[in-house]
């Protein structure tokens, strides 16, 4: 296991760091508004019923739409988790 360590602070007085920040921000902004599936047992499941995820500091900005799970999806997820547990239950933390 890799020990946890804090990342160093970014020096925004450095113009290269400012440029990298704005490039990363532009990349994220291009990805806003997508629809995201449920992932159950490695399978991506898109549903017709979704919920809107928004920026809490700007409720007009949509981050994306997340597929809503039904009771059947929840049962499938619990079964998949039970099966997966058999393979990692004895792994040391």
C-alpha atoms as a PDB file:
ATOM      1  CA  UNK A   1       0.000   0.000   0.000  1.00  0.00           C
ATOM      2  CA  UNK A   2       1.320   3.445  -0.899  1.00  0.00           C
ATOM      3  CA  UNK A   3       1.332   5.718   2.145  1.00  0.00           C
ATOM      4  CA  UNK A   4      -0.860   8.816   1.956  1.00  0.00           C
ATOM      5  CA  UNK A   5       0.843  12.159   1.484  1.00  0.00           C
ATOM      6  CA  UNK A   6      -0.441  15.626   0.723  1.00  0.00           C
ATOM      7  CA  UNK A   7       0.141  16.982  -2.735  1.00  0.00           C
ATOM      8  CA  UNK A   8       2.192  20.162  -2.813  1.00  0.00           C
ATOM      9  CA  UNK A   9       0.329  23.433  -3.269  1.00  0.00           C
ATOM     10  CA  UNK A  10       0.306  24.864  -6.783  1.00  0.00           C
ATOM     11  CA  UNK A  11       2.165  28.127  -7.237  1.00  0.00           C
ATOM     12  CA  UNK A  12      -0.241  30.317  -9.208  1.00  0.00           C
ATOM     13  CA  UNK A  13       2.311  33.081  -9.521  1.00  0.00           C
ATOM     14  CA  UNK A  14       3.886  30.785 -12.144  1.00  0.00           C
ATOM     15  CA  UNK A  15       2.346  31.511 -15.564  1.00  0.00           C
ATOM     16  CA  UNK A  16       2.686  27.859 -16.673  1.00  0.00           C
ATOM     17  CA  UNK A  17       0.554  26.753 -13.715  1.00  0.00           C
ATOM     18  CA  UNK A  18      -2.090  29.358 -14.528  1.00  0.00           C
ATOM     19  CA  UNK A  19      -2.176  28.171 -18.153  1.00  0.00           C
ATOM     20  CA  UNK A  20      -2.474  24.513 -17.085  1.00  0.00           C
ATOM     21  CA  UNK A  21      -5.318  25.435 -14.711  1.00  0.00           C
ATOM     22  CA  UNK A  22      -7.329  27.167 -17.443  1.00  0.00           C
ATOM     23  CA  UNK A  23      -6.733  24.310 -19.899  1.00  0.00           C
ATOM     24  CA  UNK A  24      -7.975  21.769 -17.332  1.00  0.00           C
ATOM     25  CA  UNK A  25     -11.008  23.926 -16.529  1.00  0.00           C
ATOM     26  CA  UNK A  26     -11.899  24.206 -20.235  1.00  0.00           C
ATOM     27  CA  UNK A  27     -11.615  20.415 -20.618  1.00  0.00           C
ATOM     28  CA  UNK A  28     -13.989  19.812 -17.702  1.00  0.00           C
ATOM     29  CA  UNK A  29     -16.478  22.395 -19.000  1.00  0.00           C
ATOM     30  CA  UNK A  30     -16.631  20.528 -22.342  1.00  0.00           C
ATOM     31  CA  UNK A  31     -17.668  17.366 -20.499  1.00  0.00           C
ATOM     32  CA  UNK A  32     -20.571  18.932 -18.575  1.00  0.00           C
ATOM     33  CA  UNK A  33     -24.124  17.806 -19.305  1.00  0.00           C
ATOM     34  CA  UNK A  34     -23.424  14.156 -20.148  1.00  0.00           C
ATOM     35  CA  UNK A  35     -25.671  11.295 -19.085  1.00  0.00           C
ATOM     36  CA  UNK A  36     -24.079   8.737 -16.774  1.00  0.00           C
ATOM     37  CA  UNK A  37     -25.148   5.099 -16.385  1.00  0.00           C
ATOM     38  CA  UNK A  38     -25.527   2.871 -13.395  1.00  0.00           C
ATOM     39  CA  UNK A  39     -22.645   0.403 -13.236  1.00  0.00           C
ATOM     40  CA  UNK A  40     -23.671  -2.979 -11.885  1.00  0.00           C
ATOM     41  CA  UNK A  41     -21.247  -5.885 -12.031  1.00  0.00           C
ATOM     42  CA  UNK A  42     -19.193  -3.999 -14.608  1.00  0.00           C
ATOM     43  CA  UNK A  43     -22.188  -3.455 -16.897  1.00  0.00           C
ATOM     44  CA  UNK A  44     -23.187   0.085 -17.840  1.00  0.00           C
ATOM     45  CA  UNK A  45     -26.962   0.511 -17.583  1.00  0.00           C
ATOM     46  CA  UNK A  46     -28.647   3.634 -18.924  1.00  0.00           C
ATOM     47  CA  UNK A  47     -32.210   4.230 -17.767  1.00  0.00           C
ATOM     48  CA  UNK A  48     -34.884   6.502 -19.207  1.00  0.00           C
ATOM     49  CA  UNK A  49     -35.433   7.964 -15.727  1.00  0.00           C
ATOM     50  CA  UNK A  50     -32.536  10.242 -14.716  1.00  0.00           C
ATOM     51  CA  UNK A  51     -31.780  12.824 -12.086  1.00  0.00           C
ATOM     52  CA  UNK A  52     -30.024  16.115 -12.765  1.00  0.00           C
ATOM     53  CA  UNK A  53     -26.789  16.801 -10.918  1.00  0.00           C
ATOM     54  CA  UNK A  54     -26.016  20.503 -10.636  1.00  0.00           C
ATOM     55  CA  UNK A  55     -23.252  22.754  -9.388  1.00  0.00           C
ATOM     56  CA  UNK A  56     -24.215  23.601  -5.789  1.00  0.00           C
ATOM     57  CA  UNK A  57     -22.680  27.052  -6.122  1.00  0.00           C
ATOM     58  CA  UNK A  58     -24.584  27.724  -9.363  1.00  0.00           C
ATOM     59  CA  UNK A  59     -27.820  25.731  -9.613  1.00  0.00           C
ATOM     60  CA  UNK A  60     -28.269  26.829 -13.225  1.00  0.00           C
ATOM     61  CA  UNK A  61     -25.152  24.860 -14.237  1.00  0.00           C
ATOM     62  CA  UNK A  62     -25.847  21.206 -14.970  1.00  0.00           C
ATOM     63  CA  UNK A  63     -22.984  18.837 -14.198  1.00  0.00           C
ATOM     64  CA  UNK A  64     -24.741  15.862 -15.767  1.00  0.00           C
ATOM     65  CA  UNK A  65     -27.655  13.463 -15.623  1.00  0.00           C
ATOM     66  CA  UNK A  66     -27.433  10.230 -13.647  1.00  0.00           C
ATOM     67  CA  UNK A  67     -29.514   7.150 -14.418  1.00  0.00           C
ATOM     68  CA  UNK A  68     -31.932   6.293 -11.629  1.00  0.00           C
ATOM     69  CA  UNK A  69     -31.968   2.767 -10.246  1.00  0.00           C
ATOM     70  CA  UNK A  70     -35.094   0.701  -9.731  1.00  0.00           C
ATOM     71  CA  UNK A  71     -35.590  -1.847  -6.961  1.00  0.00           C
ATOM     72  CA  UNK A  72     -34.525  -4.528  -9.430  1.00  0.00           C
ATOM     73  CA  UNK A  73     -31.275  -2.650 -10.125  1.00  0.00           C
ATOM     74  CA  UNK A  74     -30.638  -2.437  -6.381  1.00  0.00           C
ATOM     75  CA  UNK A  75     -31.186  -6.190  -6.020  1.00  0.00           C
ATOM     76  CA  UNK A  76     -28.791  -6.863  -8.909  1.00  0.00           C
ATOM     77  CA  UNK A  77     -26.169  -4.599  -7.308  1.00  0.00           C
ATOM     78  CA  UNK A  78     -26.451  -6.349  -3.935  1.00  0.00           C
ATOM     79  CA  UNK A  79     -26.122  -9.770  -5.606  1.00  0.00           C
ATOM     80  CA  UNK A  80     -23.073  -8.603  -7.586  1.00  0.00           C
ATOM     81  CA  UNK A  81     -21.509  -7.235  -4.397  1.00  0.00           C
ATOM     82  CA  UNK A  82     -22.111 -10.525  -2.571  1.00  0.00           C
ATOM     83  CA  UNK A  83     -20.426 -12.451  -5.378  1.00  0.00           C
ATOM     84  CA  UNK A  84     -17.489 -10.037  -5.558  1.00  0.00           C
ATOM     85  CA  UNK A  85     -17.068 -10.235  -1.787  1.00  0.00           C
ATOM     86  CA  UNK A  86     -16.113 -13.895  -2.110  1.00  0.00           C
ATOM     87  CA  UNK A  87     -12.981 -12.969  -4.070  1.00  0.00           C
ATOM     88  CA  UNK A  88     -11.696 -10.167  -1.836  1.00  0.00           C
ATOM     89  CA  UNK A  89     -13.039 -10.980   1.642  1.00  0.00           C
ATOM     90  CA  UNK A  90      -9.738 -12.411   2.869  1.00  0.00           C
ATOM     91  CA  UNK A  91      -7.509  -9.727   1.374  1.00  0.00           C
ATOM     92  CA  UNK A  92      -5.551  -7.846   3.998  1.00  0.00           C
ATOM     93  CA  UNK A  93      -6.421  -4.159   4.243  1.00  0.00           C
END
